[in-house]
Amino acid sequence: MIKVKIKTKNKRITIPVPYVFVNIFSAVLSSKRMVRFANRAIEKEGKVSFRVPQIERKDLKPLLRALSKNKGLLLVETKLKDGTELIVKL
């Protein structure tokens, strides 16, 4: 489970994200329909000549398996000038 912790002066929020949701999200992002939608949106702006590459689902599976094996790994830890902290852990 990926844990996202947000600390502000007044509140602390912890958002648990199960790996099932990460798998579903990766399936949606790697779909041909989403890639076409993203490329059309980029072309509509016309300023940037960048195209989102097609990522195969089979290429993402080893990455997702590795994430589930490395529990406790700290991915992101940042602190803003106003005291807000963001921590992302596996």
PDB file of N, CA and C in Angstrom:
ATOM      1  N   MET A   1       0.839  -1.166   0.000  1.00  0.00           N
ATOM      2  CA  MET A   1       0.000   0.000   0.000  1.00  0.00           C
ATOM      3  C   MET A   1       0.892   1.240   0.000  1.00  0.00           C
ATOM      4  N   ILE A   2       0.579   2.177  -0.855  1.00  0.00           N
ATOM      5  CA  ILE A   2       1.301   3.436  -0.915  1.00  0.00           C
ATOM      6  C   ILE A   2       0.624   4.393   0.055  1.00  0.00           C
ATOM      7  N   LYS A   3       1.424   5.043   0.887  1.00  0.00           N
ATOM      8  CA  LYS A   3       0.880   5.967   1.880  1.00  0.00           C
ATOM      9  C   LYS A   3       1.333   7.377   1.546  1.00  0.00           C
ATOM     10  N   VAL A   4       0.379   8.264   1.371  1.00  0.00           N
ATOM     11  CA  VAL A   4       0.658   9.668   1.087  1.00  0.00           C
ATOM     12  C   VAL A   4       0.269  10.456   2.330  1.00  0.00           C
ATOM     13  N   LYS A   5       1.239  11.155   2.917  1.00  0.00           N
ATOM     14  CA  LYS A   5       0.989  11.955   4.111  1.00  0.00           C
ATOM     15  C   LYS A   5       1.203  13.421   3.786  1.00  0.00           C
ATOM     16  N   ILE A   6       0.210  14.231   4.139  1.00  0.00           N
ATOM     17  CA  ILE A   6       0.281  15.669   3.925  1.00  0.00           C
ATOM     18  C   ILE A   6       0.119  16.337   5.281  1.00  0.00           C
ATOM     19  N   LYS A   7       1.092  17.161   5.650  1.00  0.00           N
ATOM     20  CA  LYS A   7       1.043  17.871   6.915  1.00  0.00           C
ATOM     21  C   LYS A   7       1.037  19.370   6.640  1.00  0.00           C
ATOM     22  N   THR A   8       0.049  20.046   7.178  1.00  0.00           N
ATOM     23  CA  THR A   8       0.009  21.501   7.119  1.00  0.00           C
ATOM     24  C   THR A   8       0.024  22.024   8.542  1.00  0.00           C
ATOM     25  N   LYS A   9      -0.081  23.314   8.697  1.00  0.00           N
ATOM     26  CA  LYS A   9      -0.077  23.883  10.040  1.00  0.00           C
ATOM     27  C   LYS A   9      -1.279  23.423  10.843  1.00  0.00           C
ATOM     28  N   ASN A  10      -2.424  23.316  10.194  1.00  0.00           N
ATOM     29  CA  ASN A  10      -3.663  23.008  10.902  1.00  0.00           C
ATOM     30  C   ASN A  10      -4.090  21.543  10.820  1.00  0.00           C
ATOM     31  N   LYS A  11      -3.721  20.847   9.768  1.00  0.00           N
ATOM     32  CA  LYS A  11      -4.239  19.497   9.543  1.00  0.00           C
ATOM     33  C   LYS A  11      -3.138  18.539   9.130  1.00  0.00           C
ATOM     34  N   ARG A  12      -3.415  17.264   9.402  1.00  0.00           N
ATOM     35  CA  ARG A  12      -2.588  16.164   8.912  1.00  0.00           C
ATOM     36  C   ARG A  12      -3.508  15.192   8.202  1.00  0.00           C
ATOM     37  N   ILE A  13      -3.152  14.865   6.991  1.00  0.00           N
ATOM     38  CA  ILE A  13      -3.972  13.967   6.177  1.00  0.00           C
ATOM     39  C   ILE A  13      -3.110  12.801   5.730  1.00  0.00           C
ATOM     40  N   THR A  14      -3.622  11.580   5.903  1.00  0.00           N
ATOM     41  CA  THR A  14      -2.960  10.382   5.402  1.00  0.00           C
ATOM     42  C   THR A  14      -3.903   9.708   4.415  1.00  0.00           C
ATOM     43  N   ILE A  15      -3.388   9.466   3.213  1.00  0.00           N
ATOM     44  CA  ILE A  15      -4.187   8.840   2.163  1.00  0.00           C
ATOM     45  C   ILE A  15      -3.550   7.504   1.806  1.00  0.00           C
ATOM     46  N   PRO A  16      -4.182   6.389   2.170  1.00  0.00           N
ATOM     47  CA  PRO A  16      -3.657   5.084   1.755  1.00  0.00           C
ATOM     48  C   PRO A  16      -4.151   4.742   0.342  1.00  0.00           C
ATOM     49  N   VAL A  17      -3.230   4.304  -0.504  1.00  0.00           N
ATOM     50  CA  VAL A  17      -3.576   3.930  -1.878  1.00  0.00           C
ATOM     51  C   VAL A  17      -3.195   2.462  -2.069  1.00  0.00           C
ATOM     52  N   PRO A  18      -4.193   1.552  -2.104  1.00  0.00           N
ATOM     53  CA  PRO A  18      -3.885   0.131  -2.307  1.00  0.00           C
ATOM     54  C   PRO A  18      -3.304  -0.124  -3.694  1.00  0.00           C
ATOM     55  N   TYR A  19      -2.502  -1.166  -3.797  1.00  0.00           N
ATOM     56  CA  TYR A  19      -1.875  -1.512  -5.069  1.00  0.00           C
ATOM     57  C   TYR A  19      -2.893  -1.879  -6.138  1.00  0.00           C
ATOM     58  N   VAL A  20      -4.081  -2.307  -5.730  1.00  0.00           N
ATOM     59  CA  VAL A  20      -5.134  -2.619  -6.702  1.00  0.00           C
ATOM     60  C   VAL A  20      -5.489  -1.358  -7.490  1.00  0.00           C
ATOM     61  N   PHE A  21      -5.605  -0.219  -6.795  1.00  0.00           N
ATOM     62  CA  PHE A  21      -5.910   1.033  -7.476  1.00  0.00           C
ATOM     63  C   PHE A  21      -4.760   1.475  -8.373  1.00  0.00           C
ATOM     64  N   VAL A  22      -3.538   1.228  -7.949  1.00  0.00           N
ATOM     65  CA  VAL A  22      -2.379   1.570  -8.766  1.00  0.00           C
ATOM     66  C   VAL A  22      -2.385   0.732 -10.047  1.00  0.00           C
ATOM     67  N   ASN A  23      -2.726  -0.552  -9.936  1.00  0.00           N
ATOM     68  CA  ASN A  23      -2.809  -1.417 -11.116  1.00  0.00           C
ATOM     69  C   ASN A  23      -3.904  -0.962 -12.071  1.00  0.00           C
ATOM     70  N   ILE A  24      -5.064  -0.598 -11.541  1.00  0.00           N
ATOM     71  CA  ILE A  24      -6.166  -0.130 -12.380  1.00  0.00           C
ATOM     72  C   ILE A  24      -5.782   1.178 -13.062  1.00  0.00           C
ATOM     73  N   PHE A  25      -5.173   2.080 -12.308  1.00  0.00           N
ATOM     74  CA  PHE A  25      -4.756   3.371 -12.855  1.00  0.00           C
ATOM     75  C   PHE A  25      -3.720   3.195 -13.956  1.00  0.00           C
ATOM     76  N   SER A  26      -2.789   2.266 -13.770  1.00  0.00           N
ATOM     77  CA  SER A  26      -1.778   2.027 -14.798  1.00  0.00           C
ATOM     78  C   SER A  26      -2.400   1.422 -16.055  1.00  0.00           C
ATOM     79  N   ALA A  27      -3.424   0.599 -15.881  1.00  0.00           N
ATOM     80  CA  ALA A  27      -4.104   0.022 -17.044  1.00  0.00           C
ATOM     81  C   ALA A  27      -4.823   1.099 -17.840  1.00  0.00           C
ATOM     82  N   VAL A  28      -5.433   2.045 -17.139  1.00  0.00           N
ATOM     83  CA  VAL A  28      -6.135   3.128 -17.824  1.00  0.00           C
ATOM     84  C   VAL A  28      -5.144   4.034 -18.540  1.00  0.00           C
ATOM     85  N   LEU A  29      -4.039   4.377 -17.879  1.00  0.00           N
ATOM     86  CA  LEU A  29      -3.061   5.274 -18.488  1.00  0.00           C
ATOM     87  C   LEU A  29      -2.347   4.654 -19.679  1.00  0.00           C
ATOM     88  N   SER A  30      -2.200   3.346 -19.690  1.00  0.00           N
ATOM     89  CA  SER A  30      -1.499   2.702 -20.794  1.00  0.00           C
ATOM     90  C   SER A  30      -2.426   2.324 -21.947  1.00  0.00           C
ATOM     91  N   SER A  31      -3.703   2.648 -21.832  1.00  0.00           N
ATOM     92  CA  SER A  31      -4.634   2.319 -22.907  1.00  0.00           C
ATOM     93  C   SER A  31      -4.415   3.223 -24.114  1.00  0.00           C
ATOM     94  N   LYS A  32      -4.718   2.706 -25.276  1.00  0.00           N
ATOM     95  CA  LYS A  32      -4.528   3.458 -26.513  1.00  0.00           C
ATOM     96  C   LYS A  32      -5.418   4.698 -26.548  1.00  0.00           C
ATOM     97  N   ARG A  33      -6.596   4.587 -25.990  1.00  0.00           N
ATOM     98  CA  ARG A  33      -7.541   5.703 -25.982  1.00  0.00           C
ATOM     99  C   ARG A  33      -6.997   6.891 -25.185  1.00  0.00           C
ATOM    100  N   MET A  34      -6.398   6.625 -24.025  1.00  0.00           N
ATOM    101  CA  MET A  34      -5.841   7.702 -23.204  1.00  0.00           C
ATOM    102  C   MET A  34      -4.635   8.356 -23.877  1.00  0.00           C
ATOM    103  N   VAL A  35      -3.809   7.556 -24.532  1.00  0.00           N
ATOM    104  CA  VAL A  35      -2.640   8.102 -25.219  1.00  0.00           C
ATOM    105  C   VAL A  35      -3.088   8.998 -26.371  1.00  0.00           C
ATOM    106  N   ARG A  36      -4.096   8.557 -27.127  1.00  0.00           N
ATOM    107  CA  ARG A  36      -4.620   9.385 -28.213  1.00  0.00           C
ATOM    108  C   ARG A  36      -5.221  10.688 -27.674  1.00  0.00           C
ATOM    109  N   PHE A  37      -5.949  10.585 -26.563  1.00  0.00           N
ATOM    110  CA  PHE A  37      -6.549  11.772 -25.950  1.00  0.00           C
ATOM    111  C   PHE A  37      -5.474  12.769 -25.508  1.00  0.00           C
ATOM    112  N   ALA A  38      -4.426  12.266 -24.883  1.00  0.00           N
ATOM    113  CA  ALA A  38      -3.338  13.139 -24.427  1.00  0.00           C
ATOM    114  C   ALA A  38      -2.626  13.786 -25.606  1.00  0.00           C
ATOM    115  N   ASN A  39      -2.366  13.026 -26.656  1.00  0.00           N
ATOM    116  CA  ASN A  39      -1.681  13.582 -27.829  1.00  0.00           C
ATOM    117  C   ASN A  39      -2.534  14.631 -28.537  1.00  0.00           C
ATOM    118  N   ARG A  40      -3.850  14.414 -28.599  1.00  0.00           N
ATOM    119  CA  ARG A  40      -4.732  15.416 -29.198  1.00  0.00           C
ATOM    120  C   ARG A  40      -4.736  16.699 -28.376  1.00  0.00           C
ATOM    121  N   ALA A  41      -4.735  16.558 -27.059  1.00  0.00           N
ATOM    122  CA  ALA A  41      -4.731  17.744 -26.197  1.00  0.00           C
ATOM    123  C   ALA A  41      -3.437  18.527 -26.358  1.00  0.00           C
ATOM    124  N   ILE A  42      -2.325  17.833 -26.514  1.00  0.00           N
ATOM    125  CA  ILE A  42      -1.039  18.509 -26.717  1.00  0.00           C
ATOM    126  C   ILE A  42      -1.015  19.205 -28.073  1.00  0.00           C
ATOM    127  N   GLU A  43      -1.509  18.536 -29.105  1.00  0.00           N
ATOM    128  CA  GLU A  43      -1.528  19.131 -30.436  1.00  0.00           C
ATOM    129  C   GLU A  43      -2.473  20.326 -30.502  1.00  0.00           C
ATOM    130  N   LYS A  44      -3.522  20.297 -29.705  1.00  0.00           N
ATOM    131  CA  LYS A  44      -4.486  21.392 -29.683  1.00  0.00           C
ATOM    132  C   LYS A  44      -3.836  22.679 -29.196  1.00  0.00           C
ATOM    133  N   GLU A  45      -2.952  22.552 -28.221  1.00  0.00           N
ATOM    134  CA  GLU A  45      -2.222  23.717 -27.725  1.00  0.00           C
ATOM    135  C   GLU A  45      -1.300  24.266 -28.806  1.00  0.00           C
ATOM    136  N   GLY A  46      -0.637  23.383 -29.527  1.00  0.00           N
ATOM    137  CA  GLY A  46       0.187  23.780 -30.653  1.00  0.00           C
ATOM    138  C   GLY A  46       1.545  24.352 -30.299  1.00  0.00           C
ATOM    139  N   LYS A  47       1.829  24.571 -29.046  1.00  0.00           N
ATOM    140  CA  LYS A  47       3.090  25.186 -28.652  1.00  0.00           C
ATOM    141  C   LYS A  47       4.219  24.166 -28.537  1.00  0.00           C
ATOM    142  N   VAL A  48       3.897  22.970 -28.110  1.00  0.00           N
ATOM    143  CA  VAL A  48       4.917  21.959 -27.846  1.00  0.00           C
ATOM    144  C   VAL A  48       4.764  20.828 -28.854  1.00  0.00           C
ATOM    145  N   SER A  49       5.862  20.405 -29.436  1.00  0.00           N
ATOM    146  CA  SER A  49       5.805  19.291 -30.383  1.00  0.00           C
ATOM    147  C   SER A  49       6.246  18.007 -29.675  1.00  0.00           C
ATOM    148  N   PHE A  50       5.520  17.632 -28.661  1.00  0.00           N
ATOM    149  CA  PHE A  50       5.811  16.421 -27.891  1.00  0.00           C
ATOM    150  C   PHE A  50       4.652  15.460 -28.043  1.00  0.00           C
ATOM    151  N   ARG A  51       4.954  14.195 -28.188  1.00  0.00           N
ATOM    152  CA  ARG A  51       3.924  13.167 -28.264  1.00  0.00           C
ATOM    153  C   ARG A  51       4.141  12.178 -27.136  1.00  0.00           C
ATOM    154  N   VAL A  52       3.049  11.782 -26.494  1.00  0.00           N
ATOM    155  CA  VAL A  52       3.119  10.791 -25.423  1.00  0.00           C
ATOM    156  C   VAL A  52       3.331   9.425 -26.061  1.00  0.00           C
ATOM    157  N   PRO A  53       4.366   8.697 -25.668  1.00  0.00           N
ATOM    158  CA  PRO A  53       4.610   7.386 -26.269  1.00  0.00           C
ATOM    159  C   PRO A  53       3.639   6.327 -25.733  1.00  0.00           C
ATOM    160  N   GLN A  54       3.375   5.351 -26.551  1.00  0.00           N
ATOM    161  CA  GLN A  54       2.523   4.234 -26.133  1.00  0.00           C
ATOM    162  C   GLN A  54       3.319   3.320 -25.210  1.00  0.00           C
ATOM    163  N   ILE A  55       2.798   3.078 -24.017  1.00  0.00           N
ATOM    164  CA  ILE A  55       3.447   2.193 -23.043  1.00  0.00           C
ATOM    165  C   ILE A  55       2.622   0.921 -22.947  1.00  0.00           C
ATOM    166  N   GLU A  56       3.269  -0.188 -23.136  1.00  0.00           N
ATOM    167  CA  GLU A  56       2.582  -1.473 -23.058  1.00  0.00           C
ATOM    168  C   GLU A  56       2.360  -1.867 -21.606  1.00  0.00           C
ATOM    169  N   ARG A  57       1.245  -2.493 -21.345  1.00  0.00           N
ATOM    170  CA  ARG A  57       0.896  -2.941 -19.990  1.00  0.00           C
ATOM    171  C   ARG A  57       1.905  -3.976 -19.485  1.00  0.00           C
ATOM    172  N   LYS A  58       2.389  -4.827 -20.378  1.00  0.00           N
ATOM    173  CA  LYS A  58       3.338  -5.865 -19.967  1.00  0.00           C
ATOM    174  C   LYS A  58       4.670  -5.256 -19.511  1.00  0.00           C
ATOM    175  N   ASP A  59       4.994  -4.056 -19.993  1.00  0.00           N
ATOM    176  CA  ASP A  59       6.212  -3.378 -19.556  1.00  0.00           C
ATOM    177  C   ASP A  59       6.061  -2.762 -18.170  1.00  0.00           C
ATOM    178  N   LEU A  60       4.840  -2.430 -17.787  1.00  0.00           N
ATOM    179  CA  LEU A  60       4.588  -1.834 -16.473  1.00  0.00           C
ATOM    180  C   LEU A  60       4.483  -2.863 -15.355  1.00  0.00           C
ATOM    181  N   LYS A  61       4.134  -4.092 -15.688  1.00  0.00           N
ATOM    182  CA  LYS A  61       3.931  -5.111 -14.650  1.00  0.00           C
ATOM    183  C   LYS A  61       5.166  -5.367 -13.783  1.00  0.00           C
ATOM    184  N   PRO A  62       6.380  -5.484 -14.341  1.00  0.00           N
ATOM    185  CA  PRO A  62       7.546  -5.665 -13.466  1.00  0.00           C
ATOM    186  C   PRO A  62       7.764  -4.490 -12.511  1.00  0.00           C
ATOM    187  N   LEU A  63       7.480  -3.291 -12.977  1.00  0.00           N
ATOM    188  CA  LEU A  63       7.608  -2.119 -12.120  1.00  0.00           C
ATOM    189  C   LEU A  63       6.620  -2.183 -10.959  1.00  0.00           C
ATOM    190  N   LEU A  64       5.390  -2.558 -11.237  1.00  0.00           N
ATOM    191  CA  LEU A  64       4.382  -2.643 -10.184  1.00  0.00           C
ATOM    192  C   LEU A  64       4.697  -3.756  -9.194  1.00  0.00           C
ATOM    193  N   ARG A  65       5.237  -4.869  -9.679  1.00  0.00           N
ATOM    194  CA  ARG A  65       5.646  -5.956  -8.775  1.00  0.00           C
ATOM    195  C   ARG A  65       6.791  -5.504  -7.874  1.00  0.00           C
ATOM    196  N   ALA A  66       7.731  -4.758  -8.431  1.00  0.00           N
ATOM    197  CA  ALA A  66       8.865  -4.267  -7.639  1.00  0.00           C
ATOM    198  C   ALA A  66       8.399  -3.285  -6.575  1.00  0.00           C
ATOM    199  N   LEU A  67       7.401  -2.494  -6.885  1.00  0.00           N
ATOM    200  CA  LEU A  67       6.868  -1.567  -5.881  1.00  0.00           C
ATOM    201  C   LEU A  67       6.290  -2.314  -4.689  1.00  0.00           C
ATOM    202  N   SER A  68       5.567  -3.396  -4.958  1.00  0.00           N
ATOM    203  CA  SER A  68       4.952  -4.137  -3.862  1.00  0.00           C
ATOM    204  C   SER A  68       5.984  -4.894  -3.023  1.00  0.00           C
ATOM    205  N   LYS A  69       7.152  -5.194  -3.580  1.00  0.00           N
ATOM    206  CA  LYS A  69       8.189  -5.919  -2.834  1.00  0.00           C
ATOM    207  C   LYS A  69       9.027  -5.006  -1.940  1.00  0.00           C
ATOM    208  N   ASN A  70       9.076  -3.727  -2.225  1.00  0.00           N
ATOM    209  CA  ASN A  70       9.921  -2.791  -1.485  1.00  0.00           C
ATOM    210  C   ASN A  70       9.113  -1.952  -0.499  1.00  0.00           C
ATOM    211  N   LYS A  71       8.412  -2.605   0.396  1.00  0.00           N
ATOM    212  CA  LYS A  71       7.583  -1.901   1.363  1.00  0.00           C
ATOM    213  C   LYS A  71       8.455  -1.080   2.303  1.00  0.00           C
ATOM    214  N   GLY A  72       7.966   0.115   2.637  1.00  0.00           N
ATOM    215  CA  GLY A  72       8.684   0.987   3.546  1.00  0.00           C
ATOM    216  C   GLY A  72       9.644   1.939   2.857  1.00  0.00           C
ATOM    217  N   LEU A  73       9.800   1.819   1.551  1.00  0.00           N
ATOM    218  CA  LEU A  73      10.711   2.674   0.806  1.00  0.00           C
ATOM    219  C   LEU A  73      10.137   4.090   0.713  1.00  0.00           C
ATOM    220  N   LEU A  74      10.935   5.075   1.039  1.00  0.00           N
ATOM    221  CA  LEU A  74      10.524   6.472   0.966  1.00  0.00           C
ATOM    222  C   LEU A  74      10.748   6.975  -0.451  1.00  0.00           C
ATOM    223  N   LEU A  75       9.664   7.356  -1.135  1.00  0.00           N
ATOM    224  CA  LEU A  75       9.762   7.820  -2.514  1.00  0.00           C
ATOM    225  C   LEU A  75       9.936   9.333  -2.595  1.00  0.00           C
ATOM    226  N   VAL A  76       9.118  10.076  -1.846  1.00  0.00           N
ATOM    227  CA  VAL A  76       9.153  11.530  -1.902  1.00  0.00           C
ATOM    228  C   VAL A  76       9.054  12.081  -0.493  1.00  0.00           C
ATOM    229  N   GLU A  77       9.899  13.046  -0.191  1.00  0.00           N
ATOM    230  CA  GLU A  77       9.787  13.783   1.065  1.00  0.00           C
ATOM    231  C   GLU A  77      10.168  15.225   0.764  1.00  0.00           C
ATOM    232  N   THR A  78       9.210  16.122   0.917  1.00  0.00           N
ATOM    233  CA  THR A  78       9.470  17.518   0.596  1.00  0.00           C
ATOM    234  C   THR A  78       8.807  18.429   1.616  1.00  0.00           C
ATOM    235  N   LYS A  79       9.386  19.583   1.802  1.00  0.00           N
ATOM    236  CA  LYS A  79       8.861  20.567   2.737  1.00  0.00           C
ATOM    237  C   LYS A  79       8.875  21.928   2.047  1.00  0.00           C
ATOM    238  N   LEU A  80       7.733  22.600   2.068  1.00  0.00           N
ATOM    239  CA  LEU A  80       7.617  23.911   1.450  1.00  0.00           C
ATOM    240  C   LEU A  80       7.965  25.007   2.445  1.00  0.00           C
ATOM    241  N   LYS A  81       8.121  26.211   1.943  1.00  0.00           N
ATOM    242  CA  LYS A  81       8.488  27.337   2.799  1.00  0.00           C
ATOM    243  C   LYS A  81       7.411  27.660   3.830  1.00  0.00           C
ATOM    244  N   ASP A  82       6.146  27.387   3.491  1.00  0.00           N
ATOM    245  CA  ASP A  82       5.066  27.687   4.435  1.00  0.00           C
ATOM    246  C   ASP A  82       4.879  26.598   5.501  1.00  0.00           C
ATOM    247  N   GLY A  83       5.725  25.574   5.495  1.00  0.00           N
ATOM    248  CA  GLY A  83       5.671  24.525   6.506  1.00  0.00           C
ATOM    249  C   GLY A  83       4.914  23.282   6.092  1.00  0.00           C
ATOM    250  N   THR A  84       4.353  23.269   4.900  1.00  0.00           N
ATOM    251  CA  THR A  84       3.627  22.103   4.410  1.00  0.00           C
ATOM    252  C   THR A  84       4.625  21.002   4.051  1.00  0.00           C
ATOM    253  N   GLU A  85       4.323  19.780   4.492  1.00  0.00           N
ATOM    254  CA  GLU A  85       5.175  18.628   4.196  1.00  0.00           C
ATOM    255  C   GLU A  85       4.390  17.596   3.412  1.00  0.00           C
ATOM    256  N   LEU A  86       5.073  16.925   2.486  1.00  0.00           N
ATOM    257  CA  LEU A  86       4.487  15.839   1.702  1.00  0.00           C
ATOM    258  C   LEU A  86       5.444  14.660   1.779  1.00  0.00           C
ATOM    259  N   ILE A  87       4.907  13.504   2.188  1.00  0.00           N
ATOM    260  CA  ILE A  87       5.708  12.287   2.292  1.00  0.00           C
ATOM    261  C   ILE A  87       4.972  11.165   1.566  1.00  0.00           C
ATOM    262  N   VAL A  88       5.666  10.481   0.650  1.00  0.00           N
ATOM    263  CA  VAL A  88       5.101   9.338  -0.072  1.00  0.00           C
ATOM    264  C   VAL A  88       5.972   8.138   0.216  1.00  0.00           C
ATOM    265  N   LYS A  89       5.361   7.098   0.835  1.00  0.00           N
ATOM    266  CA  LYS A  89       6.067   5.862   1.169  1.00  0.00           C
ATOM    267  C   LYS A  89       5.345   4.673   0.580  1.00  0.00           C
ATOM    268  N   LEU A  90       6.117   3.632   0.333  1.00  0.00           N
ATOM    269  CA  LEU A  90       5.510   2.366  -0.122  1.00  0.00           C
ATOM    270  C   LEU A  90       5.071   1.575   1.095  1.00  0.00           C
TER     271      LEU A  90
END
